[in-house]
């Protein structure tokens, strides 16, 4: 057990620079709150959650999102993204005035 405890401690120690990035970069500080409490309005409708890590994944979802919106207009879609750039691109690709049932959110922390 001691080996696993030491390994766990080492992993936490190695993750410290990742957390420091959140504290000192303004764009990451802005989304930190949304990582703990996603900005997703409550809904009575069925909701599908799709996660995209990279900008390329956000762009590659375009056909899927168009098809889902056309075939299932009552379905709400939560598109979570990992990075600030991914969120910006997703908001441009799926504007609220055209895609009313797609909610772009920052990926919550596990």
Foldseek 3Di string as FASTA:
>chain_A
DVVVVVVVVVVVVVCVVVVVCCVPDPLSVVQPVCQAPKPDDDDPFAEAEAEDEDLVRLVVCLVVLVVCCVVPVRYAYEYEYADSVSLVSNCVSQPCVVNVRYHYIHHHDD
